[in-house]
Amino acid sequence: MPNYLAFASDNYAGICPEAWQAMAEANHGFSRSYGEDQYTERACGLIRELFETDCQVFFVFNGTAANSLALASLCSSYHSVICHEFAHIETDECGAPEFFSNGTKILLAGGADGRVDLNTVEQLITRRSDIHYPKPRVLSLTQATELGTVYRPEQIAAAGELARRYGLRLQMDGARFANAVVSLGCCPADISWRAGVDLLCLGGAKNGMAVGEAVVFFNKELAEEFDYRCKQAGQLASKMRFLSAPWIGLLQDGDWLKRAAHANRCAQLLAAQLQAMPGVELMVPVEANAVFVRMAEPLLNGLHDIGWHFYRFIGAGGARLMCSWATEETDIEALAEDLLQLTAKTLP
């Protein structure tokens, strides 16, 4: 029987073996609390090795906390954050960035395929300079984007240059950063600090962990008293080793990229199957582990009636199909077969 939840979200997948084993290994004996343990120290060291720089690392429970506390550390209440109109910090954080920064305003920029248009960003920055306008302070990029595309190194570098020119910080929501690294075939440093990123929220849950994101300050001066923010927000885990140990499991042998590569490859296979069918078209290029397709309403409803779960929040006629480390080719084939049968029944 097909796994009808297989394409709903990469959050639906379980814990990958490497992360699970690392948590089990940390579950022996006693260990110091609140991040003073050997596992947290080792995980921070691996992240520094990964990015080839002496960055400051903090572990929090989830992406909402990572993004919100990160932005709050960069802003005062009278500042604003510029992001894409589809960015998670605008559409899916329930106002948390504004809450934790005591009122920082989110300013929205458009842009094709989920990437911000830098001309629009510059217009938002320069539109007004009077005291009545929330002063732009941060440009936030999502990597991979909410539409499953990726920013290339030169695109991030251009965003970084623009931010520096106007005195802004560049923050990156990297919930699916691993998928972007695989897609681009580059070094993590090349699409982060070397391209001008000051602060990265590095995703773990969507890469095969149970919980846990890493907030990585490449500019260590910006991390001052961030530990207090984490504590105040309920993000300082007493048994921190269970947040940090999975990073050891995924990073020490490069399995974080292996798991992301599998998800990306499955997305390519799924896209190839679907776009060959009548009445189905890709909405954006498939560059990471997401497939966005447009199809007739009877086909969408038919898939739901069969039992397939997927999100349709991107507009009429569109569907988002996500692949993960746990996606199986048999589920891709099953979805394609069901859709093929539906097209034969419903399309002229």
C-alpha atoms as a PDB file:
ATOM      1  CA  MET A   1       0.000   0.000   0.000  1.00  0.00           C
ATOM      2  CA  PRO A   2       1.384   3.431  -0.880  1.00  0.00           C
ATOM      3  CA  ASN A   3       2.446   5.825   1.837  1.00  0.00           C
ATOM      4  CA  TYR A   4      -0.118   8.527   1.206  1.00  0.00           C
ATOM      5  CA  LEU A   5       1.719  10.955   3.514  1.00  0.00           C
ATOM      6  CA  ALA A   6       4.998  10.653   1.626  1.00  0.00           C
ATOM      7  CA  PHE A   7       4.764  13.982  -0.225  1.00  0.00           C
ATOM      8  CA  ALA A   8       2.909  16.164   2.269  1.00  0.00           C
ATOM      9  CA  SER A   9       6.017  17.595   3.932  1.00  0.00           C
ATOM     10  CA  ASP A  10       9.596  16.713   4.773  1.00  0.00           C
ATOM     11  CA  ASN A  11       8.451  17.335   8.354  1.00  0.00           C
ATOM     12  CA  TYR A  12       6.318  14.196   8.072  1.00  0.00           C
ATOM     13  CA  ALA A  13       9.398  11.970   7.787  1.00  0.00           C
ATOM     14  CA  GLY A  14      10.832  10.279  10.852  1.00  0.00           C
ATOM     15  CA  ILE A  15      14.324  10.486  12.301  1.00  0.00           C
ATOM     16  CA  CYS A  16      17.112   9.260  10.044  1.00  0.00           C
ATOM     17  CA  PRO A  17      19.311   6.422  11.391  1.00  0.00           C
ATOM     18  CA  GLU A  18      22.393   8.580  11.916  1.00  0.00           C
ATOM     19  CA  ALA A  19      20.538  11.094  14.082  1.00  0.00           C
ATOM     20  CA  TRP A  20      18.737   8.327  15.985  1.00  0.00           C
ATOM     21  CA  GLN A  21      21.978   6.486  16.708  1.00  0.00           C
ATOM     22  CA  ALA A  22      23.685   9.663  17.876  1.00  0.00           C
ATOM     23  CA  MET A  23      20.861  10.358  20.335  1.00  0.00           C
ATOM     24  CA  ALA A  24      21.110   6.788  21.620  1.00  0.00           C
ATOM     25  CA  GLU A  25      24.847   7.159  22.152  1.00  0.00           C
ATOM     26  CA  ALA A  26      24.252  10.365  24.115  1.00  0.00           C
ATOM     27  CA  ASN A  27      21.760   8.532  26.305  1.00  0.00           C
ATOM     28  CA  HIS A  28      24.376   6.788  28.448  1.00  0.00           C
ATOM     29  CA  GLY A  29      25.228   7.849  31.951  1.00  0.00           C
ATOM     30  CA  PHE A  30      25.249  11.402  33.208  1.00  0.00           C
ATOM     31  CA  SER A  31      26.242  14.553  31.350  1.00  0.00           C
ATOM     32  CA  ARG A  32      26.415  18.243  32.195  1.00  0.00           C
ATOM     33  CA  SER A  33      23.355  20.303  31.382  1.00  0.00           C
ATOM     34  CA  TYR A  34      22.497  23.497  29.477  1.00  0.00           C
ATOM     35  CA  GLY A  35      25.044  22.981  26.722  1.00  0.00           C
ATOM     36  CA  GLU A  36      28.073  22.385  28.919  1.00  0.00           C
ATOM     37  CA  ASP A  37      28.346  18.777  27.714  1.00  0.00           C
ATOM     38  CA  GLN A  38      30.836  17.072  25.412  1.00  0.00           C
ATOM     39  CA  TYR A  39      28.240  16.422  22.693  1.00  0.00           C
ATOM     40  CA  THR A  40      27.342  20.083  22.316  1.00  0.00           C
ATOM     41  CA  GLU A  41      31.015  21.003  22.226  1.00  0.00           C
ATOM     42  CA  ARG A  42      31.666  18.405  19.527  1.00  0.00           C
ATOM     43  CA  ALA A  43      28.638  19.483  17.458  1.00  0.00           C
ATOM     44  CA  CYS A  44      29.731  23.133  17.562  1.00  0.00           C
ATOM     45  CA  GLY A  45      33.204  22.087  16.472  1.00  0.00           C
ATOM     46  CA  LEU A  46      31.845  20.140  13.519  1.00  0.00           C
ATOM     47  CA  ILE A  47      29.762  23.111  12.382  1.00  0.00           C
ATOM     48  CA  ARG A  48      32.849  25.330  12.547  1.00  0.00           C
ATOM     49  CA  GLU A  49      34.771  22.780  10.493  1.00  0.00           C
ATOM     50  CA  LEU A  50      31.905  22.561   8.025  1.00  0.00           C
ATOM     51  CA  PHE A  51      31.881  26.313   7.417  1.00  0.00           C
ATOM     52  CA  GLU A  52      35.654  26.688   7.681  1.00  0.00           C
ATOM     53  CA  THR A  53      35.395  29.567  10.135  1.00  0.00           C
ATOM     54  CA  ASP A  54      35.266  30.325  13.847  1.00  0.00           C
ATOM     55  CA  CYS A  55      31.533  30.951  14.161  1.00  0.00           C
ATOM     56  CA  GLN A  56      29.360  31.099  17.273  1.00  0.00           C
ATOM     57  CA  VAL A  57      26.720  28.341  17.439  1.00  0.00           C
ATOM     58  CA  PHE A  58      23.527  27.993  19.467  1.00  0.00           C
ATOM     59  CA  PHE A  59      20.994  25.145  19.364  1.00  0.00           C
ATOM     60  CA  VAL A  60      17.252  25.766  19.656  1.00  0.00           C
ATOM     61  CA  PHE A  61      14.227  23.522  19.357  1.00  0.00           C
ATOM     62  CA  ASN A  62      12.680  24.702  16.093  1.00  0.00           C
ATOM     63  CA  GLY A  63      12.847  26.992  13.096  1.00  0.00           C
ATOM     64  CA  THR A  64      10.392  29.554  14.411  1.00  0.00           C
ATOM     65  CA  ALA A  65      12.593  30.162  17.429  1.00  0.00           C
ATOM     66  CA  ALA A  66      15.762  30.188  15.327  1.00  0.00           C
ATOM     67  CA  ASN A  67      14.478  32.787  12.872  1.00  0.00           C
ATOM     68  CA  SER A  68      12.656  34.915  15.415  1.00  0.00           C
ATOM     69  CA  LEU A  69      15.428  35.099  17.996  1.00  0.00           C
ATOM     70  CA  ALA A  70      18.036  35.604  15.289  1.00  0.00           C
ATOM     71  CA  LEU A  71      16.167  38.557  13.805  1.00  0.00           C
ATOM     72  CA  ALA A  72      15.468  39.975  17.258  1.00  0.00           C
ATOM     73  CA  SER A  73      19.204  39.933  17.972  1.00  0.00           C
ATOM     74  CA  LEU A  74      19.826  42.047  14.863  1.00  0.00           C
ATOM     75  CA  CYS A  75      17.011  44.562  15.313  1.00  0.00           C
ATOM     76  CA  SER A  76      15.558  47.106  17.648  1.00  0.00           C
ATOM     77  CA  SER A  77      11.800  47.541  17.830  1.00  0.00           C
ATOM     78  CA  TYR A  78      11.828  50.471  15.399  1.00  0.00           C
ATOM     79  CA  HIS A  79      13.680  48.520  12.688  1.00  0.00           C
ATOM     80  CA  SER A  80      12.320  46.519   9.770  1.00  0.00           C
ATOM     81  CA  VAL A  81      13.248  43.249   8.080  1.00  0.00           C
ATOM     82  CA  ILE A  82      12.982  42.867   4.305  1.00  0.00           C
ATOM     83  CA  CYS A  83      12.126  39.420   2.941  1.00  0.00           C
ATOM     84  CA  HIS A  84      10.348  37.735   0.044  1.00  0.00           C
ATOM     85  CA  GLU A  85       6.575  37.867   0.158  1.00  0.00           C
ATOM     86  CA  PHE A  86       6.459  34.052   0.436  1.00  0.00           C
ATOM     87  CA  ALA A  87       9.147  33.834   3.131  1.00  0.00           C
ATOM     88  CA  HIS A  88       8.427  31.686   6.166  1.00  0.00           C
ATOM     89  CA  ILE A  89       9.044  34.579   8.557  1.00  0.00           C
ATOM     90  CA  GLU A  90       6.127  36.391   6.890  1.00  0.00           C
ATOM     91  CA  THR A  91       3.663  33.594   6.168  1.00  0.00           C
ATOM     92  CA  ASP A  92       4.229  30.866   8.757  1.00  0.00           C
ATOM     93  CA  GLU A  93       5.686  32.196  12.005  1.00  0.00           C
ATOM     94  CA  CYS A  94       2.453  33.539  13.559  1.00  0.00           C
ATOM     95  CA  GLY A  95       4.059  36.942  14.096  1.00  0.00           C
ATOM     96  CA  ALA A  96       6.916  35.498  16.170  1.00  0.00           C
ATOM     97  CA  PRO A  97       9.665  37.659  14.580  1.00  0.00           C
ATOM     98  CA  GLU A  98       7.677  40.776  15.432  1.00  0.00           C
ATOM     99  CA  PHE A  99       6.859  39.483  18.921  1.00  0.00           C
ATOM    100  CA  PHE A 100      10.397  38.591  19.966  1.00  0.00           C
ATOM    101  CA  SER A 101      11.816  41.850  18.585  1.00  0.00           C
ATOM    102  CA  ASN A 102       9.139  43.913  20.344  1.00  0.00           C
ATOM    103  CA  GLY A 103       7.583  45.153  17.127  1.00  0.00           C
ATOM    104  CA  THR A 104      10.085  45.015  14.280  1.00  0.00           C
ATOM    105  CA  LYS A 105       8.153  45.345  11.041  1.00  0.00           C
ATOM    106  CA  ILE A 106       8.365  42.910   8.120  1.00  0.00           C
ATOM    107  CA  LEU A 107       8.606  44.571   4.688  1.00  0.00           C
ATOM    108  CA  LEU A 108       7.808  42.405   1.678  1.00  0.00           C
ATOM    109  CA  ALA A 109       9.636  42.221  -1.638  1.00  0.00           C
ATOM    110  CA  GLY A 110       8.478  40.338  -4.685  1.00  0.00           C
ATOM    111  CA  GLY A 111      10.667  38.280  -6.963  1.00  0.00           C
ATOM    112  CA  ALA A 112      10.394  35.450  -9.463  1.00  0.00           C
ATOM    113  CA  ASP A 113      10.550  31.815  -8.329  1.00  0.00           C
ATOM    114  CA  GLY A 114      10.749  32.668  -4.639  1.00  0.00           C
ATOM    115  CA  ARG A 115      13.927  34.778  -4.812  1.00  0.00           C
ATOM    116  CA  VAL A 116      13.830  38.431  -3.769  1.00  0.00           C
ATOM    117  CA  ASP A 117      14.271  40.976  -6.527  1.00  0.00           C
ATOM    118  CA  LEU A 118      17.161  43.145  -5.377  1.00  0.00           C
ATOM    119  CA  ASN A 119      15.881  46.200  -7.238  1.00  0.00           C
ATOM    120  CA  THR A 120      12.682  45.959  -5.203  1.00  0.00           C
ATOM    121  CA  VAL A 121      14.729  45.491  -2.039  1.00  0.00           C
ATOM    122  CA  GLU A 122      16.703  48.641  -2.784  1.00  0.00           C
ATOM    123  CA  GLN A 123      13.485  50.547  -3.395  1.00  0.00           C
ATOM    124  CA  LEU A 124      12.198  49.470   0.020  1.00  0.00           C
ATOM    125  CA  ILE A 125      15.444  50.563   1.652  1.00  0.00           C
ATOM    126  CA  THR A 126      15.574  53.958  -0.026  1.00  0.00           C
ATOM    127  CA  ARG A 127      11.863  54.725  -0.258  1.00  0.00           C
ATOM    128  CA  ARG A 128      11.958  56.865   2.854  1.00  0.00           C
ATOM    129  CA  SER A 129      14.542  57.993   5.374  1.00  0.00           C
ATOM    130  CA  ASP A 130      12.356  59.985   7.750  1.00  0.00           C
ATOM    131  CA  ILE A 131      11.736  59.074  11.350  1.00  0.00           C
ATOM    132  CA  HIS A 132       8.180  57.909  10.618  1.00  0.00           C
ATOM    133  CA  TYR A 133       9.348  54.934   8.548  1.00  0.00           C
ATOM    134  CA  PRO A 134      10.560  51.678  10.192  1.00  0.00           C
ATOM    135  CA  LYS A 135      14.277  51.779   9.457  1.00  0.00           C
ATOM    136  CA  PRO A 136      15.426  48.790   7.339  1.00  0.00           C
ATOM    137  CA  ARG A 137      17.964  46.777   9.283  1.00  0.00           C
ATOM    138  CA  VAL A 138      17.997  43.204   7.935  1.00  0.00           C
ATOM    139  CA  LEU A 139      17.633  41.506   4.576  1.00  0.00           C
ATOM    140  CA  SER A 140      16.471  37.912   5.034  1.00  0.00           C
ATOM    141  CA  LEU A 141      16.951  35.222   2.381  1.00  0.00           C
ATOM    142  CA  THR A 142      15.511  31.703   2.422  1.00  0.00           C
ATOM    143  CA  GLN A 143      17.783  28.904   1.185  1.00  0.00           C
ATOM    144  CA  ALA A 144      16.317  26.842  -0.422  1.00  0.00           C
ATOM    145  CA  THR A 145      13.388  29.184  -1.075  1.00  0.00           C
ATOM    146  CA  GLU A 146       9.785  28.515  -0.192  1.00  0.00           C
ATOM    147  CA  LEU A 147       9.220  27.576  -3.842  1.00  0.00           C
ATOM    148  CA  GLY A 148      12.034  25.041  -3.862  1.00  0.00           C
ATOM    149  CA  THR A 149      14.519  27.106  -5.847  1.00  0.00           C
ATOM    150  CA  VAL A 150      18.015  28.018  -4.684  1.00  0.00           C
ATOM    151  CA  TYR A 151      20.119  31.155  -4.510  1.00  0.00           C
ATOM    152  CA  ARG A 152      23.413  30.759  -6.327  1.00  0.00           C
ATOM    153  CA  PRO A 153      26.629  32.079  -4.744  1.00  0.00           C
ATOM    154  CA  GLU A 154      26.728  35.143  -6.968  1.00  0.00           C
ATOM    155  CA  GLN A 155      23.095  35.967  -6.142  1.00  0.00           C
ATOM    156  CA  ILE A 156      23.789  35.796  -2.415  1.00  0.00           C
ATOM    157  CA  ALA A 157      26.942  37.860  -2.873  1.00  0.00           C
ATOM    158  CA  ALA A 158      24.921  40.524  -4.689  1.00  0.00           C
ATOM    159  CA  ALA A 159      22.410  40.559  -1.825  1.00  0.00           C
ATOM    160  CA  GLY A 160      25.259  40.815   0.663  1.00  0.00           C
ATOM    161  CA  GLU A 161      26.821  43.715  -1.196  1.00  0.00           C
ATOM    162  CA  LEU A 162      23.499  45.548  -1.303  1.00  0.00           C
ATOM    163  CA  ALA A 163      22.930  44.976   2.393  1.00  0.00           C
ATOM    164  CA  ARG A 164      26.381  46.253   3.343  1.00  0.00           C
ATOM    165  CA  ARG A 165      26.038  49.301   1.113  1.00  0.00           C
ATOM    166  CA  TYR A 166      23.012  50.431   3.119  1.00  0.00           C
ATOM    167  CA  GLY A 167      24.149  49.242   6.536  1.00  0.00           C
ATOM    168  CA  LEU A 168      21.887  46.187   6.719  1.00  0.00           C
ATOM    169  CA  ARG A 169      22.667  42.739   8.068  1.00  0.00           C
ATOM    170  CA  LEU A 170      22.098  39.644   5.916  1.00  0.00           C
ATOM    171  CA  GLN A 171      20.275  36.782   7.654  1.00  0.00           C
ATOM    172  CA  MET A 172      19.541  33.422   6.039  1.00  0.00           C
ATOM    173  CA  ASP A 173      16.711  31.048   6.859  1.00  0.00           C
ATOM    174  CA  GLY A 174      18.421  27.764   6.031  1.00  0.00           C
ATOM    175  CA  ALA A 175      15.713  25.284   6.975  1.00  0.00           C
ATOM    176  CA  ARG A 176      16.639  23.377   3.794  1.00  0.00           C
ATOM    177  CA  PHE A 177      20.208  24.620   3.525  1.00  0.00           C
ATOM    178  CA  ALA A 178      21.510  21.066   3.030  1.00  0.00           C
ATOM    179  CA  ASN A 179      19.322  20.624  -0.047  1.00  0.00           C
ATOM    180  CA  ALA A 180      20.694  23.853  -1.486  1.00  0.00           C
ATOM    181  CA  VAL A 181      24.311  22.794  -0.887  1.00  0.00           C
ATOM    182  CA  VAL A 182      23.680  19.524  -2.723  1.00  0.00           C
ATOM    183  CA  SER A 183      21.839  21.252  -5.549  1.00  0.00           C
ATOM    184  CA  LEU A 184      24.647  23.746  -6.115  1.00  0.00           C
ATOM    185  CA  GLY A 185      27.514  21.338  -5.468  1.00  0.00           C
ATOM    186  CA  CYS A 186      29.336  24.026  -3.531  1.00  0.00           C
ATOM    187  CA  CYS A 187      31.026  24.477  -0.179  1.00  0.00           C
ATOM    188  CA  PRO A 188      28.678  25.641   2.597  1.00  0.00           C
ATOM    189  CA  ALA A 189      30.920  28.660   3.172  1.00  0.00           C
ATOM    190  CA  ASP A 190      30.426  29.797  -0.421  1.00  0.00           C
ATOM    191  CA  ILE A 191      26.698  30.371   0.085  1.00  0.00           C
ATOM    192  CA  SER A 192      26.956  31.747   3.585  1.00  0.00           C
ATOM    193  CA  TRP A 193      29.661  33.912   5.175  1.00  0.00           C
ATOM    194  CA  ARG A 194      31.900  34.162   2.106  1.00  0.00           C
ATOM    195  CA  ALA A 195      28.928  35.618   0.239  1.00  0.00           C
ATOM    196  CA  GLY A 196      28.164  38.116   3.004  1.00  0.00           C
ATOM    197  CA  VAL A 197      25.747  36.222   5.270  1.00  0.00           C
ATOM    198  CA  ASP A 198      26.058  37.438   8.867  1.00  0.00           C
ATOM    199  CA  LEU A 199      23.770  34.903  10.502  1.00  0.00           C
ATOM    200  CA  LEU A 200      22.444  31.529   9.349  1.00  0.00           C
ATOM    201  CA  CYS A 201      19.584  29.534  10.838  1.00  0.00           C
ATOM    202  CA  LEU A 202      20.721  26.045   9.870  1.00  0.00           C
ATOM    203  CA  GLY A 203      17.942  23.481   9.578  1.00  0.00           C
ATOM    204  CA  GLY A 204      18.068  20.078  11.239  1.00  0.00           C
ATOM    205  CA  ALA A 205      14.489  18.811  11.431  1.00  0.00           C
ATOM    206  CA  LYS A 206      13.926  18.779   7.672  1.00  0.00           C
ATOM    207  CA  ASN A 207      17.276  17.064   7.174  1.00  0.00           C
ATOM    208  CA  GLY A 208      16.412  14.006   9.271  1.00  0.00           C
ATOM    209  CA  MET A 209      16.514  15.091  12.919  1.00  0.00           C
ATOM    210  CA  ALA A 210      13.686  14.893  15.416  1.00  0.00           C
ATOM    211  CA  VAL A 211      13.998  18.519  16.530  1.00  0.00           C
ATOM    212  CA  GLY A 212      16.681  21.127  16.597  1.00  0.00           C
ATOM    213  CA  GLU A 213      18.067  23.993  14.542  1.00  0.00           C
ATOM    214  CA  ALA A 214      21.459  25.663  14.812  1.00  0.00           C
ATOM    215  CA  VAL A 215      21.729  29.448  14.928  1.00  0.00           C
ATOM    216  CA  VAL A 216      25.137  30.215  13.439  1.00  0.00           C
ATOM    217  CA  PHE A 217      26.658  33.667  13.911  1.00  0.00           C
ATOM    218  CA  PHE A 218      29.457  34.217  11.410  1.00  0.00           C
ATOM    219  CA  ASN A 219      29.890  37.692  12.855  1.00  0.00           C
ATOM    220  CA  LYS A 220      30.517  36.695  16.464  1.00  0.00           C
ATOM    221  CA  GLU A 221      30.023  40.220  17.792  1.00  0.00           C
ATOM    222  CA  LEU A 222      26.352  39.927  16.880  1.00  0.00           C
ATOM    223  CA  ALA A 223      25.982  36.912  19.186  1.00  0.00           C
ATOM    224  CA  GLU A 224      26.492  38.947  22.356  1.00  0.00           C
ATOM    225  CA  GLU A 225      23.983  37.813  25.016  1.00  0.00           C
ATOM    226  CA  PHE A 226      22.128  35.607  22.526  1.00  0.00           C
ATOM    227  CA  ASP A 227      22.215  32.877  25.171  1.00  0.00           C
ATOM    228  CA  TYR A 228      20.026  35.099  27.338  1.00  0.00           C
ATOM    229  CA  ARG A 229      17.511  35.443  24.501  1.00  0.00           C
ATOM    230  CA  CYS A 230      17.386  31.663  24.192  1.00  0.00           C
ATOM    231  CA  LYS A 231      16.811  31.238  27.922  1.00  0.00           C
ATOM    232  CA  GLN A 232      14.102  33.893  28.073  1.00  0.00           C
ATOM    233  CA  ALA A 233      12.295  32.352  25.091  1.00  0.00           C
ATOM    234  CA  GLY A 234      12.283  28.857  26.576  1.00  0.00           C
ATOM    235  CA  GLN A 235      14.858  27.609  24.057  1.00  0.00           C
ATOM    236  CA  LEU A 236      17.707  26.729  26.417  1.00  0.00           C
ATOM    237  CA  ALA A 237      17.390  22.953  26.708  1.00  0.00           C
ATOM    238  CA  SER A 238      18.429  21.503  30.046  1.00  0.00           C
ATOM    239  CA  LYS A 239      19.392  18.216  28.374  1.00  0.00           C
ATOM    240  CA  MET A 240      21.035  20.019  25.482  1.00  0.00           C
ATOM    241  CA  ARG A 241      22.960  16.930  24.406  1.00  0.00           C
ATOM    242  CA  PHE A 242      19.799  15.538  22.827  1.00  0.00           C
ATOM    243  CA  LEU A 243      19.539  18.604  20.587  1.00  0.00           C
ATOM    244  CA  SER A 244      23.218  18.679  19.694  1.00  0.00           C
ATOM    245  CA  ALA A 245      24.156  14.992  19.406  1.00  0.00           C
ATOM    246  CA  PRO A 246      22.117  14.404  16.208  1.00  0.00           C
ATOM    247  CA  TRP A 247      24.280  17.027  14.496  1.00  0.00           C
ATOM    248  CA  ILE A 248      27.296  14.863  15.258  1.00  0.00           C
ATOM    249  CA  GLY A 249      25.580  11.865  13.684  1.00  0.00           C
ATOM    250  CA  LEU A 250      24.743  13.735  10.507  1.00  0.00           C
ATOM    251  CA  LEU A 251      27.881  15.847  10.093  1.00  0.00           C
ATOM    252  CA  GLN A 252      30.813  13.668  11.110  1.00  0.00           C
ATOM    253  CA  ASP A 253      30.655  11.405   8.038  1.00  0.00           C
ATOM    254  CA  GLY A 254      28.836  13.746   5.651  1.00  0.00           C
ATOM    255  CA  ASP A 255      25.457  12.032   5.980  1.00  0.00           C
ATOM    256  CA  TRP A 256      23.623  15.372   6.140  1.00  0.00           C
ATOM    257  CA  LEU A 257      24.427  15.793   2.441  1.00  0.00           C
ATOM    258  CA  LYS A 258      23.693  12.170   1.594  1.00  0.00           C
ATOM    259  CA  ARG A 259      20.222  12.484   3.077  1.00  0.00           C
ATOM    260  CA  ALA A 260      19.600  15.785   1.312  1.00  0.00           C
ATOM    261  CA  ALA A 261      20.870  14.358  -1.984  1.00  0.00           C
ATOM    262  CA  HIS A 262      18.372  11.518  -1.757  1.00  0.00           C
ATOM    263  CA  ALA A 263      15.514  13.976  -1.219  1.00  0.00           C
ATOM    264  CA  ASN A 264      16.640  16.123  -4.158  1.00  0.00           C
ATOM    265  CA  ARG A 265      17.011  13.108  -6.435  1.00  0.00           C
ATOM    266  CA  CYS A 266      13.516  11.895  -5.543  1.00  0.00           C
ATOM    267  CA  ALA A 267      12.131  15.345  -6.371  1.00  0.00           C
ATOM    268  CA  GLN A 268      13.752  15.163  -9.801  1.00  0.00           C
ATOM    269  CA  LEU A 269      12.296  11.688 -10.389  1.00  0.00           C
ATOM    270  CA  LEU A 270       8.862  12.838  -9.293  1.00  0.00           C
ATOM    271  CA  ALA A 271       9.002  15.936 -11.493  1.00  0.00           C
ATOM    272  CA  ALA A 272      10.023  13.869 -14.519  1.00  0.00           C
ATOM    273  CA  GLN A 273       7.084  11.526 -13.999  1.00  0.00           C
ATOM    274  CA  LEU A 274       4.517  14.276 -13.497  1.00  0.00           C
ATOM    275  CA  GLN A 275       5.476  16.717 -16.224  1.00  0.00           C
ATOM    276  CA  ALA A 276       5.194  13.953 -18.819  1.00  0.00           C
ATOM    277  CA  MET A 277       1.463  13.660 -18.092  1.00  0.00           C
ATOM    278  CA  PRO A 278      -1.263  15.563 -19.920  1.00  0.00           C
ATOM    279  CA  GLY A 279      -2.797  18.377 -17.926  1.00  0.00           C
ATOM    280  CA  VAL A 280       0.136  18.688 -15.505  1.00  0.00           C
ATOM    281  CA  GLU A 281       2.849  21.362 -15.602  1.00  0.00           C
ATOM    282  CA  LEU A 282       5.679  22.448 -13.346  1.00  0.00           C
ATOM    283  CA  MET A 283       5.142  25.859 -11.776  1.00  0.00           C
ATOM    284  CA  VAL A 284       8.809  26.555 -10.942  1.00  0.00           C
ATOM    285  CA  PRO A 285      12.092  24.770 -11.677  1.00  0.00           C
ATOM    286  CA  VAL A 286      12.852  21.839  -9.382  1.00  0.00           C
ATOM    287  CA  GLU A 287      16.171  22.718  -7.737  1.00  0.00           C
ATOM    288  CA  ALA A 288      15.918  21.156  -4.281  1.00  0.00           C
ATOM    289  CA  ASN A 289      13.422  18.710  -2.741  1.00  0.00           C
ATOM    290  CA  ALA A 290      10.141  20.407  -3.633  1.00  0.00           C
ATOM    291  CA  VAL A 291       7.955  19.908  -6.697  1.00  0.00           C
ATOM    292  CA  PHE A 292       5.320  22.544  -7.423  1.00  0.00           C
ATOM    293  CA  VAL A 293       2.807  21.507 -10.062  1.00  0.00           C
ATOM    294  CA  ARG A 294      -0.292  22.987 -11.608  1.00  0.00           C
ATOM    295  CA  MET A 295      -3.119  20.693 -12.646  1.00  0.00           C
ATOM    296  CA  ALA A 296      -6.864  20.760 -13.146  1.00  0.00           C
ATOM    297  CA  GLU A 297      -9.074  20.852 -10.070  1.00  0.00           C
ATOM    298  CA  PRO A 298     -10.593  17.397 -10.741  1.00  0.00           C
ATOM    299  CA  LEU A 299      -7.099  15.903 -10.667  1.00  0.00           C
ATOM    300  CA  LEU A 300      -6.215  17.600  -7.392  1.00  0.00           C
ATOM    301  CA  ASN A 301      -9.479  16.541  -5.810  1.00  0.00           C
ATOM    302  CA  GLY A 302      -9.116  13.045  -7.211  1.00  0.00           C
ATOM    303  CA  LEU A 303      -5.706  12.592  -5.599  1.00  0.00           C
ATOM    304  CA  HIS A 304      -7.082  13.788  -2.288  1.00  0.00           C
ATOM    305  CA  ASP A 305     -10.023  11.414  -2.583  1.00  0.00           C
ATOM    306  CA  ILE A 306      -7.643   8.511  -3.124  1.00  0.00           C
ATOM    307  CA  GLY A 307      -5.842   9.512   0.060  1.00  0.00           C
ATOM    308  CA  TRP A 308      -2.774  11.484  -1.038  1.00  0.00           C
ATOM    309  CA  HIS A 309      -1.851  14.379   1.247  1.00  0.00           C
ATOM    310  CA  PHE A 310      -0.217  17.567  -0.046  1.00  0.00           C
ATOM    311  CA  TYR A 311      -0.504  21.298   0.494  1.00  0.00           C
ATOM    312  CA  ARG A 312      -2.365  23.610  -1.856  1.00  0.00           C
ATOM    313  CA  PHE A 313      -1.590  26.937  -0.181  1.00  0.00           C
ATOM    314  CA  ILE A 314       0.182  28.411  -3.183  1.00  0.00           C
ATOM    315  CA  GLY A 315      -2.920  29.329  -5.153  1.00  0.00           C
ATOM    316  CA  ALA A 316      -5.690  27.830  -7.223  1.00  0.00           C
ATOM    317  CA  GLY A 317      -4.630  24.900  -9.335  1.00  0.00           C
ATOM    318  CA  GLY A 318      -1.278  24.455  -7.590  1.00  0.00           C
ATOM    319  CA  ALA A 319       0.120  21.762  -5.332  1.00  0.00           C
ATOM    320  CA  ARG A 320       3.368  21.353  -3.399  1.00  0.00           C
ATOM    321  CA  LEU A 321       4.849  17.873  -3.260  1.00  0.00           C
ATOM    322  CA  MET A 322       7.799  17.479  -0.891  1.00  0.00           C
ATOM    323  CA  CYS A 323      10.425  14.757  -0.865  1.00  0.00           C
ATOM    324  CA  SER A 324      12.543  13.833   2.144  1.00  0.00           C
ATOM    325  CA  TRP A 325      15.385  11.599   3.248  1.00  0.00           C
ATOM    326  CA  ALA A 326      12.796   8.824   3.662  1.00  0.00           C
ATOM    327  CA  THR A 327      11.014   9.107   0.305  1.00  0.00           C
ATOM    328  CA  GLU A 328      10.831   5.817  -1.592  1.00  0.00           C
ATOM    329  CA  GLU A 329      10.710   5.384  -5.348  1.00  0.00           C
ATOM    330  CA  THR A 330       7.760   3.032  -4.994  1.00  0.00           C
ATOM    331  CA  ASP A 331       5.704   5.921  -3.597  1.00  0.00           C
ATOM    332  CA  ILE A 332       6.720   8.100  -6.547  1.00  0.00           C
ATOM    333  CA  GLU A 333       5.553   5.374  -8.915  1.00  0.00           C
ATOM    334  CA  ALA A 334       2.303   4.906  -6.987  1.00  0.00           C
ATOM    335  CA  LEU A 335       1.437   8.604  -7.093  1.00  0.00           C
ATOM    336  CA  ALA A 336       2.277   8.797 -10.788  1.00  0.00           C
ATOM    337  CA  GLU A 337       0.130   5.747 -11.536  1.00  0.00           C
ATOM    338  CA  ASP A 338      -2.848   7.143  -9.623  1.00  0.00           C
ATOM    339  CA  LEU A 339      -2.523  10.474 -11.419  1.00  0.00           C
ATOM    340  CA  LEU A 340      -2.231   8.767 -14.790  1.00  0.00           C
ATOM    341  CA  GLN A 341      -5.465   6.882 -14.150  1.00  0.00           C
ATOM    342  CA  LEU A 342      -7.195  10.077 -13.070  1.00  0.00           C
ATOM    343  CA  THR A 343      -6.112  11.922 -16.194  1.00  0.00           C
ATOM    344  CA  ALA A 344      -7.539   9.136 -18.333  1.00  0.00           C
ATOM    345  CA  LYS A 345     -10.881   9.424 -16.541  1.00  0.00           C
ATOM    346  CA  THR A 346     -11.234  13.178 -16.152  1.00  0.00           C
ATOM    347  CA  LEU A 347      -9.461  14.872 -19.058  1.00  0.00           C
ATOM    348  CA  PRO A 348     -10.977  15.000 -22.559  1.00  0.00           C
END
